[in-house]
């Protein structure tokens, strides 16, 4: 984020429309940050990092409400159909906002139309992780073991249609391995079973798995990005380990129901960007493997539309099913 972009965001905030008389005391009660996944996943972690900064800025509690289910579509639908009063905001991600709608088809609403962007939060690397008892330390060792296993091999993810699921399906397609998808109701439950050895491998967001990797409970085999990530440069990519054309980007952001006052959206967006630019929060996010992203509400909306345009043909080509 360069100085010119920061100044542009500040100018957009100053130009935001004034609150109406009915909204000029917003917020005058606690605000809900709805996380459409279980506690412990990367969305939940990032939400709990940003909430204190918003509480300090606006003088009201910002309460985390975890509503897992349907690959994140259950909670997202609650916000999309909710009252546009600024009292409930969605902590959304590439998984539930883009990938799940593309995989599942009609949700009864289009996230691009039912929700308005408030701000981006983080860019989160997806990683391929293994239980140490799986006996593999590299992607090539994993490929060899799966091919030698007659009973098949399973991989876990944070849910059907999530970025983790898409990463696993692309990995299966690129390697032509016999892999069975095991979906969970979020990254936290998937990590629990990965640590326990219930599943041998999983595609997960780096912030979710990083603590377990640091104490040796799981092994990160590679990152699912086009190049090594600055937050963990020692981790090799899956592509450099012999899997061509393999990259899945994940992200988190804040969204509100369409119709929410543009002034409320602008105020929250500006507060989020201010918090993300603070060195203390940047350091906390970087420590768990997440990179802050600063965008205005308009830039956030445009980014989401670009993501739909980018991934729709990939989902069709991979023939990813909402049932698997």
Protein backbone atom coordinates (compact mmCIF):
# COMPACT_ATOMS: atom_id res chain seq x y z
CA UNK A 1 0.00 0.00 0.00
CA UNK A 2 1.76 3.18 -1.18
CA UNK A 3 1.29 6.72 0.17
CA UNK A 4 -0.72 7.80 -2.89
CA UNK A 5 -3.24 5.01 -2.38
CA UNK A 6 -3.59 5.83 1.33
CA UNK A 7 -4.26 9.49 0.44
CA UNK A 8 -6.85 8.39 -2.13
CA UNK A 9 -8.66 6.33 0.50
CA UNK A 10 -8.57 9.27 2.93
CA UNK A 11 -10.00 11.62 0.29
CA UNK A 12 -12.81 9.19 -0.51
CA UNK A 13 -13.66 9.00 3.17
CA UNK A 14 -13.83 12.80 3.53
CA UNK A 15 -16.11 12.96 0.49
CA UNK A 16 -18.53 10.36 1.91
CA UNK A 17 -22.15 11.46 2.31
CA UNK A 18 -23.29 12.72 5.70
CA UNK A 19 -25.36 10.46 7.94
CA UNK A 20 -29.09 11.16 8.02
CA UNK A 21 -30.61 12.44 11.25
CA UNK A 22 -31.91 8.94 11.95
CA UNK A 23 -28.40 7.51 11.72
CA UNK A 24 -26.21 10.27 13.08
CA UNK A 25 -25.71 8.47 16.39
CA UNK A 26 -24.63 5.18 14.81
CA UNK A 27 -23.60 3.00 16.49
CA UNK A 28 -25.58 3.49 19.68
CA UNK A 29 -25.58 -0.20 20.59
CA UNK A 30 -23.33 -3.26 20.01
CA UNK A 31 -22.52 -4.17 16.41
CA UNK A 32 -22.35 -7.81 15.30
CA UNK A 33 -19.47 -9.10 13.19
CA UNK A 34 -20.93 -12.29 11.75
CA UNK A 35 -18.36 -14.95 10.87
CA UNK A 36 -19.93 -17.66 8.65
CA UNK A 37 -17.49 -20.33 9.86
CA UNK A 38 -16.73 -22.04 13.16
CA UNK A 39 -14.45 -20.48 15.76
CA UNK A 40 -10.75 -21.11 15.22
CA UNK A 41 -10.62 -20.62 11.45
CA UNK A 42 -8.80 -17.77 9.72
CA UNK A 43 -11.96 -15.67 9.28
CA UNK A 44 -12.62 -15.94 13.00
CA UNK A 45 -9.02 -15.11 13.91
CA UNK A 46 -8.95 -12.00 11.70
CA UNK A 47 -12.36 -10.87 13.01
CA UNK A 48 -11.11 -11.07 16.59
CA UNK A 49 -8.04 -9.04 15.63
CA UNK A 50 -10.03 -6.21 13.99
CA UNK A 51 -12.91 -6.04 16.51
CA UNK A 52 -10.98 -4.26 19.31
CA UNK A 53 -9.84 -1.52 16.91
CA UNK A 54 -13.44 -0.90 15.81
CA UNK A 55 -14.63 -0.89 19.42
CA UNK A 56 -12.03 1.74 20.28
CA UNK A 57 -12.95 3.82 17.24
CA UNK A 58 -16.74 3.77 17.67
CA UNK A 59 -17.16 3.31 21.42
CA UNK A 60 -19.42 0.26 21.15
CA UNK A 61 -18.75 -3.49 21.42
CA UNK A 62 -18.21 -5.33 18.12
CA UNK A 63 -19.39 -8.84 18.96
CA UNK A 64 -18.22 -11.92 17.04
CA UNK A 65 -21.09 -14.24 16.06
CA UNK A 66 -19.99 -17.55 14.51
CA UNK A 67 -22.68 -19.04 12.23
CA UNK A 68 -21.11 -21.99 10.36
CA UNK A 69 -22.84 -24.10 7.75
CA UNK A 70 -23.24 -24.55 4.03
CA UNK A 71 -19.64 -23.66 3.21
CA UNK A 72 -20.24 -20.22 4.74
CA UNK A 73 -23.44 -19.58 2.80
CA UNK A 74 -25.70 -19.93 5.86
CA UNK A 75 -24.18 -16.98 7.70
CA UNK A 76 -23.66 -14.96 4.53
CA UNK A 77 -27.33 -15.40 3.67
CA UNK A 78 -28.36 -14.12 7.10
CA UNK A 79 -26.49 -10.86 6.47
CA UNK A 80 -27.54 -10.61 2.81
CA UNK A 81 -31.20 -10.82 3.87
CA UNK A 82 -30.73 -8.76 7.03
CA UNK A 83 -31.71 -5.20 7.83
CA UNK A 84 -29.39 -2.64 6.19
CA UNK A 85 -28.93 -0.66 9.41
CA UNK A 86 -25.21 -1.18 9.95
CA UNK A 87 -25.79 -3.30 13.06
CA UNK A 88 -24.68 -6.59 11.47
CA UNK A 89 -21.61 -6.80 9.25
CA UNK A 90 -20.23 -9.88 7.51
CA UNK A 91 -16.65 -11.08 7.80
CA UNK A 92 -16.52 -12.77 4.43
CA UNK A 93 -13.91 -14.64 2.41
CA UNK A 94 -13.15 -15.88 -1.06
CA UNK A 95 -14.50 -19.27 0.04
CA UNK A 96 -18.07 -18.33 0.91
CA UNK A 97 -18.32 -15.13 -1.14
CA UNK A 98 -17.05 -16.40 -4.51
CA UNK A 99 -16.15 -20.08 -4.63
CA UNK A 100 -19.19 -21.54 -2.86
CA UNK A 101 -21.73 -19.61 -4.98
CA UNK A 102 -19.91 -20.71 -8.15
CA UNK A 103 -19.82 -24.36 -7.05
CA UNK A 104 -23.31 -24.55 -5.56
CA UNK A 105 -25.22 -22.58 -8.16
CA UNK A 106 -28.22 -20.51 -7.11
CA UNK A 107 -28.19 -19.51 -3.43
CA UNK A 108 -31.33 -17.47 -3.80
CA UNK A 109 -29.28 -14.30 -3.97
CA UNK A 110 -26.15 -12.99 -5.69
CA UNK A 111 -23.46 -11.79 -3.22
CA UNK A 112 -22.44 -9.13 -5.73
CA UNK A 113 -25.91 -7.60 -5.57
CA UNK A 114 -27.12 -8.47 -2.07
CA UNK A 115 -24.01 -7.27 -0.26
CA UNK A 116 -21.93 -4.12 -0.48
CA UNK A 117 -18.20 -3.99 0.15
CA UNK A 118 -17.01 -2.12 3.23
CA UNK A 119 -13.28 -2.91 3.18
CA UNK A 120 -10.85 -5.69 2.51
CA UNK A 121 -8.97 -7.15 5.46
CA UNK A 122 -6.31 -9.67 4.53
CA UNK A 123 -4.83 -11.82 1.83
CA UNK A 124 -4.46 -15.29 3.33
CA UNK A 125 -2.24 -17.99 1.80
CA UNK A 126 -3.73 -21.47 1.46
CA UNK A 127 -1.36 -24.31 2.39
CA UNK A 128 -1.22 -28.07 2.01
CA UNK A 129 -0.64 -29.58 5.46
CA UNK A 130 -0.17 -33.15 6.67
CA UNK A 131 -0.36 -35.04 9.92
CA UNK A 132 3.22 -36.10 10.87
CA UNK A 133 2.08 -39.72 11.06
CA UNK A 134 1.31 -39.57 7.35
CA UNK A 135 5.06 -39.91 6.88
CA UNK A 136 5.52 -37.27 4.19
CA UNK A 137 7.55 -34.05 4.23
CA UNK A 138 7.23 -32.84 0.64
CA UNK A 139 4.58 -32.71 -2.04
CA UNK A 140 6.41 -35.29 -4.15
CA UNK A 141 6.55 -37.69 -1.19
CA UNK A 142 2.81 -37.22 -0.75
CA UNK A 143 2.13 -37.91 -4.43
CA UNK A 144 4.20 -41.09 -4.29
CA UNK A 145 2.46 -42.28 -1.12
CA UNK A 146 -1.04 -41.67 -2.48
CA UNK A 147 -0.22 -43.57 -5.67
CA UNK A 148 1.07 -46.49 -3.58
CA UNK A 149 -2.00 -46.56 -1.32
CA UNK A 150 -4.65 -49.01 -2.50
CA UNK A 151 -7.35 -47.91 -0.06
CA UNK A 152 -7.43 -44.34 -1.33
CA UNK A 153 -6.52 -41.12 0.42
CA UNK A 154 -8.64 -38.31 1.83
CA UNK A 155 -8.12 -34.58 2.18
CA UNK A 156 -9.93 -32.21 4.51
CA UNK A 157 -11.15 -28.68 3.91
CA UNK A 158 -13.15 -25.99 5.69
CA UNK A 159 -16.27 -26.87 3.69
CA UNK A 160 -17.77 -27.59 0.29
CA UNK A 161 -17.10 -24.81 -2.18
CA UNK A 162 -14.49 -23.07 -0.04
CA UNK A 163 -11.09 -21.95 -1.30
CA UNK A 164 -9.59 -24.91 0.58
CA UNK A 165 -11.94 -27.28 -1.23
CA UNK A 166 -11.10 -25.69 -4.58
CA UNK A 167 -7.39 -26.03 -3.83
CA UNK A 168 -7.82 -29.74 -3.13
CA UNK A 169 -9.85 -30.32 -6.27
CA UNK A 170 -7.29 -28.48 -8.39
CA UNK A 171 -4.51 -30.50 -6.76
CA UNK A 172 -6.38 -33.73 -7.57
CA UNK A 173 -6.93 -32.57 -11.15
CA UNK A 174 -3.32 -31.48 -11.70
CA UNK A 175 -1.80 -34.65 -10.14
CA UNK A 176 -4.51 -37.12 -11.23
CA UNK A 177 -4.50 -38.62 -7.75
CA UNK A 178 -7.31 -40.65 -6.16
CA UNK A 179 -8.35 -38.27 -3.38
CA UNK A 180 -11.62 -38.13 -1.44
CA UNK A 181 -12.84 -34.80 -0.14
CA UNK A 182 -13.85 -34.59 3.55
CA UNK A 183 -15.60 -31.24 4.20
CA UNK A 184 -15.83 -29.65 7.66
CA UNK A 185 -17.81 -26.77 9.11
CA UNK A 186 -14.78 -24.50 9.18
CA UNK A 187 -11.01 -24.50 9.44
CA UNK A 188 -11.04 -25.07 13.21
CA UNK A 189 -12.81 -28.45 13.09
CA UNK A 190 -10.70 -29.52 10.10
CA UNK A 191 -7.53 -28.70 12.02
CA UNK A 192 -8.73 -30.70 15.03
CA UNK A 193 -9.12 -33.83 12.91
CA UNK A 194 -5.86 -33.21 11.05
CA UNK A 195 -3.96 -33.01 14.35
CA UNK A 196 -5.74 -36.14 15.58
CA UNK A 197 -4.85 -38.04 12.41
CA UNK A 198 -8.47 -38.60 11.41
CA UNK A 199 -7.54 -37.11 8.04
CA UNK A 200 -3.97 -37.42 6.72
CA UNK A 201 -3.82 -34.12 4.82
CA UNK A 202 -5.82 -30.93 4.49
CA UNK A 203 -5.86 -27.74 2.50
CA UNK A 204 -6.14 -24.93 5.02
CA UNK A 205 -5.51 -21.23 5.44
CA UNK A 206 -2.07 -20.46 6.85
CA UNK A 207 -3.33 -18.49 9.91
CA UNK A 208 -5.44 -21.47 10.94
CA UNK A 209 -2.68 -24.05 10.74
CA UNK A 210 0.39 -21.96 11.65
CA UNK A 211 0.29 -22.51 15.46
CA UNK A 212 -0.05 -26.28 15.05
CA UNK A 213 2.79 -26.29 12.53
CA UNK A 214 5.07 -24.33 14.84
CA UNK A 215 4.77 -26.88 17.64
CA UNK A 216 5.07 -29.88 15.32
CA UNK A 217 1.50 -31.16 15.46
CA UNK A 218 1.21 -30.80 11.67
CA UNK A 219 3.62 -30.40 8.78
CA UNK A 220 3.15 -27.78 6.07
CA UNK A 221 4.15 -29.35 2.77
CA UNK A 222 3.73 -26.27 0.57
CA UNK A 223 1.86 -23.03 -0.06
CA UNK A 224 -0.81 -22.89 -2.75
CA UNK A 225 0.30 -19.56 -4.21
CA UNK A 226 2.03 -18.58 -7.43
CA UNK A 227 5.18 -17.63 -5.56
CA UNK A 228 6.54 -17.91 -2.04
CA UNK A 229 4.80 -15.69 0.49
CA UNK A 230 6.67 -12.91 2.26
CA UNK A 231 5.29 -13.87 5.67
CA UNK A 232 6.79 -17.40 5.46
CA UNK A 233 9.43 -17.29 2.72
CA UNK A 234 10.96 -20.58 3.84
CA UNK A 235 7.88 -22.50 2.73
CA UNK A 236 8.11 -23.81 -0.86
CA UNK A 237 5.16 -23.50 -3.19
CA UNK A 238 3.29 -26.57 -4.42
CA UNK A 239 4.12 -25.51 -7.97
CA UNK A 240 7.88 -25.46 -7.41
CA UNK A 241 7.55 -29.02 -6.07
CA UNK A 242 6.32 -30.28 -9.41
CA UNK A 243 2.59 -29.46 -9.63
CA UNK A 244 2.19 -27.09 -12.59
CA UNK A 245 -0.18 -24.13 -12.82
CA UNK A 246 -1.37 -24.43 -9.22
CA UNK A 247 -2.38 -21.26 -7.36
CA UNK A 248 -5.41 -20.45 -5.20
CA UNK A 249 -5.75 -17.07 -3.52
CA UNK A 250 -7.80 -16.56 -0.39
CA UNK A 251 -8.85 -13.32 1.25
CA UNK A 252 -11.10 -11.86 3.92
CA UNK A 253 -13.15 -8.66 3.89
CA UNK A 254 -16.05 -6.87 5.54
CA UNK A 255 -19.44 -6.53 3.85
CA UNK A 256 -22.86 -5.08 4.69
CA UNK A 257 -26.37 -5.67 3.37
CA UNK A 258 -27.08 -3.71 0.18
CA UNK A 259 -28.94 -0.55 1.15
CA UNK A 260 -26.80 0.20 4.19
CA UNK A 261 -26.12 3.93 4.48
CA UNK A 262 -23.09 4.83 2.30
CA UNK A 263 -21.89 7.06 5.13
CA UNK A 264 -21.88 4.16 7.61
CA UNK A 265 -20.09 2.00 5.06
CA UNK A 266 -17.50 4.74 4.47
CA UNK A 267 -16.92 5.31 8.19
CA UNK A 268 -16.41 1.62 8.93
CA UNK A 269 -14.24 1.19 5.85
CA UNK A 270 -12.03 4.11 6.88
CA UNK A 271 -11.74 2.75 10.43
CA UNK A 272 -10.74 -0.68 9.13
CA UNK A 273 -8.07 0.77 6.85
CA UNK A 274 -6.74 2.94 9.67
CA UNK A 275 -6.49 -0.13 11.91
CA UNK A 276 -4.82 -2.25 9.22
CA UNK A 277 -2.23 0.48 8.61
CA UNK A 278 -1.23 0.52 12.28
CA UNK A 279 2.14 -1.24 12.79
CA UNK A 280 0.90 -3.21 15.82
CA UNK A 281 -1.99 -4.87 13.97
CA UNK A 282 0.12 -5.37 10.85
CA UNK A 283 2.66 -7.23 12.96
CA UNK A 284 -0.01 -9.43 14.54
CA UNK A 285 -1.49 -10.34 11.17
CA UNK A 286 1.90 -10.98 9.60
CA UNK A 287 2.84 -13.22 12.51
CA UNK A 288 -0.02 -15.59 11.66
CA UNK A 289 0.63 -15.46 7.92
CA UNK A 290 -1.95 -12.90 6.81
CA UNK A 291 -1.12 -9.80 4.75
CA UNK A 292 -3.27 -6.67 5.28
CA UNK A 293 -5.09 -5.27 2.22
CA UNK A 294 -6.32 -1.67 2.12
CA UNK A 295 -9.25 -0.95 -0.20
CA UNK A 296 -12.11 1.54 -0.29
CA UNK A 297 -15.69 0.23 -0.41
CA UNK A 298 -15.81 0.85 -4.18
CA UNK A 299 -12.50 -0.94 -4.70
CA UNK A 300 -13.76 -3.86 -2.60
CA UNK A 301 -16.88 -4.23 -4.75
CA UNK A 302 -14.83 -4.07 -7.95
CA UNK A 303 -12.38 -6.66 -6.60
CA UNK A 304 -15.19 -9.11 -5.80
CA UNK A 305 -16.60 -8.81 -9.32
CA UNK A 306 -13.14 -9.48 -10.76
CA UNK A 307 -12.86 -12.60 -8.59
CA UNK A 308 -16.15 -13.96 -9.95
CA UNK A 309 -14.98 -13.31 -13.52
CA UNK A 310 -11.65 -14.99 -12.85
CA UNK A 311 -12.86 -18.14 -11.10
CA UNK A 312 -16.10 -18.98 -12.94
CA UNK A 313 -14.28 -20.57 -15.91
CA UNK A 314 -11.87 -22.40 -13.57
CA UNK A 315 -14.70 -24.00 -11.60
CA UNK A 316 -16.37 -25.11 -14.85
CA UNK A 317 -13.13 -26.54 -16.22
CA UNK A 318 -12.39 -28.43 -13.00
CA UNK A 319 -15.96 -29.79 -12.92
CA UNK A 320 -16.13 -29.22 -9.17
CA UNK A 321 -19.30 -30.58 -7.60
CA UNK A 322 -21.14 -29.06 -4.66
CA UNK A 323 -21.53 -32.60 -3.37
CA UNK A 324 -17.88 -33.45 -3.21
